[in-house]
Each structure stands twice: as C-alpha cells, then as structure tokens.
Amino acid sequence: MIRHEMITDQELYALLRKGKILLGGNQPLKIYGSLQCRSGKRMKRKNRVFFKDEVEALALGYRPCGHCMKQAYMSWKNGFV
C-alpha cells in the first residue's frame, strides 16, 4: 500500500507507467476501486492510498467499491470473497 500524501506526483506517475499501481483506495473508509472511479477521484489526497492489485487491498481489509466494481462488491457483500 502506498499513501498518496507520502509520494510526489512525479513518483506517482512513474509507478502508474510501470504498472505498479492498479487500484486506489480510501484509507478511512477501507474501500478500494479503479483509478477511473468518479467517487475515488473526489477523495482528499490525505485519504487516498494505492494498491498493486486486488489481492493486496483485500489482504489489508479493504472492500470493493460499489460504484466502479459492482460485481466484486456484490460478491464481497454476499460473503464470497
């Protein structure tokens, strides 16, 4: 997990280009989703975290976003994750 407030924009762009960041999350709410999610784009920088994959996010106790990851969210909600 990488906290957005701990890296510069240049470091973030480099990690995105290299494919080391695929998902974003909200640390206080423990929700993760795609980097294109409208809800995720509105969150404050201090609350944003990044993950390399879904396995990492789930291992850290985050749940899928109900907006951009509907299928994964429904599986999580029904206890199939």
N, C-alpha and C. Protein backbone atom coordinates (compact mmCIF):
# COMPACT_ATOMS: atom_id res chain seq x y z
N MET A 1 0.86 -1.17 0.00
CA MET A 1 0.00 0.00 0.00
C MET A 1 0.90 1.23 0.00
N ILE A 2 0.54 2.18 -0.83
CA ILE A 2 1.28 3.44 -0.93
C ILE A 2 0.32 4.57 -0.61
N ARG A 3 0.70 5.40 0.36
CA ARG A 3 -0.14 6.55 0.71
C ARG A 3 0.16 7.70 -0.25
N HIS A 4 -0.88 8.30 -0.79
CA HIS A 4 -0.74 9.37 -1.78
C HIS A 4 0.02 10.56 -1.21
N GLU A 5 -0.23 10.90 0.03
CA GLU A 5 0.41 12.08 0.60
C GLU A 5 1.90 11.87 0.87
N MET A 6 2.38 10.62 0.77
CA MET A 6 3.78 10.32 1.04
C MET A 6 4.65 10.30 -0.21
N ILE A 7 4.05 10.45 -1.39
CA ILE A 7 4.84 10.45 -2.63
C ILE A 7 4.53 11.70 -3.44
N THR A 8 5.45 12.07 -4.29
CA THR A 8 5.25 13.23 -5.16
C THR A 8 4.43 12.81 -6.38
N ASP A 9 3.92 13.78 -7.09
CA ASP A 9 3.16 13.49 -8.30
C ASP A 9 4.04 12.79 -9.33
N GLN A 10 5.31 13.19 -9.42
CA GLN A 10 6.22 12.56 -10.38
C GLN A 10 6.44 11.09 -10.04
N GLU A 11 6.60 10.77 -8.75
CA GLU A 11 6.76 9.38 -8.33
C GLU A 11 5.50 8.58 -8.64
N LEU A 12 4.34 9.20 -8.42
CA LEU A 12 3.07 8.55 -8.71
C LEU A 12 2.95 8.21 -10.18
N TYR A 13 3.25 9.18 -11.05
CA TYR A 13 3.15 8.95 -12.49
C TYR A 13 4.11 7.85 -12.95
N ALA A 14 5.31 7.81 -12.35
CA ALA A 14 6.27 6.76 -12.70
C ALA A 14 5.74 5.39 -12.31
N LEU A 15 5.16 5.27 -11.12
CA LEU A 15 4.59 4.00 -10.67
C LEU A 15 3.41 3.57 -11.54
N LEU A 16 2.60 4.52 -11.97
CA LEU A 16 1.47 4.22 -12.85
C LEU A 16 1.97 3.71 -14.21
N ARG A 17 2.98 4.38 -14.77
CA ARG A 17 3.53 3.97 -16.06
C ARG A 17 4.13 2.56 -15.99
N LYS A 18 4.76 2.24 -14.88
CA LYS A 18 5.40 0.92 -14.71
C LYS A 18 4.39 -0.17 -14.36
N GLY A 19 3.14 0.21 -14.11
CA GLY A 19 2.11 -0.77 -13.78
C GLY A 19 2.19 -1.26 -12.34
N LYS A 20 2.85 -0.52 -11.47
CA LYS A 20 2.99 -0.92 -10.07
C LYS A 20 1.81 -0.45 -9.22
N ILE A 21 0.94 0.37 -9.81
CA ILE A 21 -0.29 0.82 -9.14
C ILE A 21 -1.44 0.54 -10.10
N LEU A 22 -2.41 -0.23 -9.64
CA LEU A 22 -3.57 -0.55 -10.48
C LEU A 22 -4.89 -0.12 -9.85
N LEU A 23 -4.91 0.04 -8.51
CA LEU A 23 -6.14 0.38 -7.81
C LEU A 23 -5.88 1.51 -6.81
N GLY A 24 -6.93 2.25 -6.52
CA GLY A 24 -6.86 3.28 -5.49
C GLY A 24 -7.83 2.96 -4.39
N GLY A 25 -7.60 3.56 -3.22
CA GLY A 25 -8.49 3.29 -2.10
C GLY A 25 -8.64 4.48 -1.18
N ASN A 26 -9.65 4.41 -0.33
CA ASN A 26 -9.90 5.42 0.69
C ASN A 26 -9.53 4.79 2.02
N GLN A 27 -8.48 5.31 2.65
CA GLN A 27 -7.97 4.70 3.87
C GLN A 27 -8.97 4.73 5.03
N PRO A 28 -9.60 5.87 5.35
CA PRO A 28 -10.54 5.86 6.49
C PRO A 28 -11.75 4.95 6.27
N LEU A 29 -12.24 4.87 5.04
CA LEU A 29 -13.43 4.07 4.76
C LEU A 29 -13.09 2.61 4.42
N LYS A 30 -11.82 2.33 4.15
CA LYS A 30 -11.37 0.98 3.80
C LYS A 30 -12.09 0.45 2.55
N ILE A 31 -12.13 1.30 1.49
CA ILE A 31 -12.76 0.94 0.23
C ILE A 31 -11.71 1.08 -0.87
N TYR A 32 -11.67 0.15 -1.82
CA TYR A 32 -10.78 0.28 -2.96
C TYR A 32 -11.57 0.19 -4.25
N GLY A 33 -11.01 0.77 -5.32
CA GLY A 33 -11.67 0.74 -6.60
C GLY A 33 -10.71 1.08 -7.73
N SER A 34 -11.27 1.22 -8.92
CA SER A 34 -10.44 1.54 -10.09
C SER A 34 -9.94 2.98 -9.99
N LEU A 35 -8.89 3.26 -10.72
CA LEU A 35 -8.33 4.61 -10.71
C LEU A 35 -9.21 5.59 -11.48
N GLN A 36 -10.15 5.08 -12.26
CA GLN A 36 -11.05 5.94 -13.03
C GLN A 36 -12.38 6.21 -12.33
N CYS A 37 -12.58 5.68 -11.16
CA CYS A 37 -13.85 5.80 -10.44
C CYS A 37 -14.14 7.26 -10.08
N ARG A 38 -15.36 7.70 -10.37
CA ARG A 38 -15.76 9.08 -10.04
C ARG A 38 -15.68 9.34 -8.54
N SER A 39 -16.10 8.38 -7.75
CA SER A 39 -16.07 8.54 -6.29
C SER A 39 -14.64 8.67 -5.80
N GLY A 40 -13.77 7.85 -6.34
CA GLY A 40 -12.37 7.87 -5.93
C GLY A 40 -11.66 9.15 -6.32
N LYS A 41 -12.03 9.72 -7.45
CA LYS A 41 -11.38 10.95 -7.91
C LYS A 41 -11.72 12.14 -7.01
N ARG A 42 -12.80 12.06 -6.28
CA ARG A 42 -13.22 13.19 -5.43
C ARG A 42 -12.61 13.16 -4.04
N MET A 43 -11.95 12.08 -3.66
CA MET A 43 -11.45 11.99 -2.29
C MET A 43 -10.23 12.88 -2.08
N LYS A 44 -10.00 13.23 -0.85
CA LYS A 44 -8.86 14.06 -0.49
C LYS A 44 -7.57 13.26 -0.60
N ARG A 45 -6.50 13.95 -0.96
CA ARG A 45 -5.20 13.32 -1.12
C ARG A 45 -4.77 12.59 0.16
N LYS A 46 -5.04 13.19 1.31
CA LYS A 46 -4.59 12.59 2.58
C LYS A 46 -5.30 11.26 2.88
N ASN A 47 -6.45 11.02 2.25
CA ASN A 47 -7.21 9.79 2.47
C ASN A 47 -6.91 8.71 1.42
N ARG A 48 -6.24 9.09 0.33
CA ARG A 48 -6.05 8.17 -0.80
C ARG A 48 -4.83 7.28 -0.61
N VAL A 49 -5.01 6.01 -0.94
CA VAL A 49 -3.92 5.04 -0.94
C VAL A 49 -3.98 4.28 -2.27
N PHE A 50 -2.86 3.65 -2.62
CA PHE A 50 -2.79 2.91 -3.87
C PHE A 50 -2.36 1.47 -3.60
N PHE A 51 -2.84 0.57 -4.45
CA PHE A 51 -2.53 -0.85 -4.34
C PHE A 51 -2.02 -1.38 -5.66
N LYS A 52 -1.16 -2.40 -5.59
CA LYS A 52 -0.66 -3.02 -6.81
C LYS A 52 -1.69 -3.96 -7.42
N ASP A 53 -2.57 -4.54 -6.57
CA ASP A 53 -3.60 -5.44 -7.09
C ASP A 53 -4.71 -5.63 -6.06
N GLU A 54 -5.72 -6.35 -6.47
CA GLU A 54 -6.89 -6.59 -5.63
C GLU A 54 -6.55 -7.46 -4.42
N VAL A 55 -5.64 -8.39 -4.59
CA VAL A 55 -5.23 -9.28 -3.50
C VAL A 55 -4.65 -8.46 -2.34
N GLU A 56 -3.81 -7.49 -2.67
CA GLU A 56 -3.21 -6.65 -1.63
C GLU A 56 -4.28 -5.86 -0.88
N ALA A 57 -5.23 -5.27 -1.62
CA ALA A 57 -6.29 -4.48 -0.99
C ALA A 57 -7.13 -5.35 -0.05
N LEU A 58 -7.52 -6.52 -0.51
CA LEU A 58 -8.34 -7.42 0.32
C LEU A 58 -7.56 -7.89 1.55
N ALA A 59 -6.27 -8.17 1.37
CA ALA A 59 -5.44 -8.63 2.49
C ALA A 59 -5.33 -7.58 3.58
N LEU A 60 -5.42 -6.31 3.19
CA LEU A 60 -5.34 -5.22 4.16
C LEU A 60 -6.70 -4.82 4.73
N GLY A 61 -7.73 -5.58 4.39
CA GLY A 61 -9.05 -5.36 4.96
C GLY A 61 -9.93 -4.35 4.24
N TYR A 62 -9.60 -4.03 2.99
CA TYR A 62 -10.42 -3.11 2.21
C TYR A 62 -11.49 -3.88 1.47
N ARG A 63 -12.60 -3.20 1.17
CA ARG A 63 -13.69 -3.83 0.42
C ARG A 63 -13.81 -3.16 -0.95
N PRO A 64 -14.38 -3.84 -1.94
CA PRO A 64 -14.54 -3.26 -3.27
C PRO A 64 -15.53 -2.10 -3.27
N CYS A 65 -15.33 -1.17 -4.16
CA CYS A 65 -16.23 -0.02 -4.35
C CYS A 65 -17.53 -0.49 -4.98
N GLY A 66 -18.64 0.01 -4.48
CA GLY A 66 -19.94 -0.36 -5.02
C GLY A 66 -20.28 0.33 -6.32
N HIS A 67 -19.52 1.37 -6.70
CA HIS A 67 -19.79 2.09 -7.94
C HIS A 67 -19.02 1.52 -9.13
N CYS A 68 -17.71 1.40 -8.99
CA CYS A 68 -16.88 1.00 -10.13
C CYS A 68 -16.58 -0.49 -10.18
N MET A 69 -16.85 -1.20 -9.10
CA MET A 69 -16.55 -2.63 -9.05
C MET A 69 -17.78 -3.40 -8.56
N LYS A 70 -18.88 -3.22 -9.25
CA LYS A 70 -20.16 -3.77 -8.80
C LYS A 70 -20.13 -5.28 -8.58
N GLN A 71 -19.55 -6.04 -9.51
CA GLN A 71 -19.52 -7.50 -9.37
C GLN A 71 -18.72 -7.91 -8.13
N ALA A 72 -17.53 -7.34 -7.98
CA ALA A 72 -16.69 -7.68 -6.82
C ALA A 72 -17.37 -7.23 -5.52
N TYR A 73 -18.05 -6.08 -5.57
CA TYR A 73 -18.75 -5.59 -4.38
C TYR A 73 -19.87 -6.54 -3.98
N MET A 74 -20.65 -6.99 -4.96
CA MET A 74 -21.76 -7.90 -4.66
C MET A 74 -21.23 -9.23 -4.10
N SER A 75 -20.12 -9.73 -4.64
CA SER A 75 -19.52 -10.95 -4.11
C SER A 75 -19.07 -10.72 -2.68
N TRP A 76 -18.43 -9.58 -2.43
CA TRP A 76 -17.97 -9.25 -1.07
C TRP A 76 -19.16 -9.14 -0.12
N LYS A 77 -20.20 -8.45 -0.58
CA LYS A 77 -21.39 -8.22 0.25
C LYS A 77 -22.07 -9.54 0.62
N ASN A 78 -22.05 -10.48 -0.32
CA ASN A 78 -22.69 -11.77 -0.07
C ASN A 78 -21.76 -12.79 0.57
N GLY A 79 -20.55 -12.35 0.91
CA GLY A 79 -19.62 -13.20 1.62
C GLY A 79 -18.84 -14.19 0.80
N PHE A 80 -18.70 -13.92 -0.50
CA PHE A 80 -18.00 -14.86 -1.37
C PHE A 80 -16.53 -14.51 -1.58
N VAL A 81 -16.03 -13.46 -0.97
CA VAL A 81 -14.62 -13.08 -1.17
C VAL A 81 -13.76 -13.76 -0.14
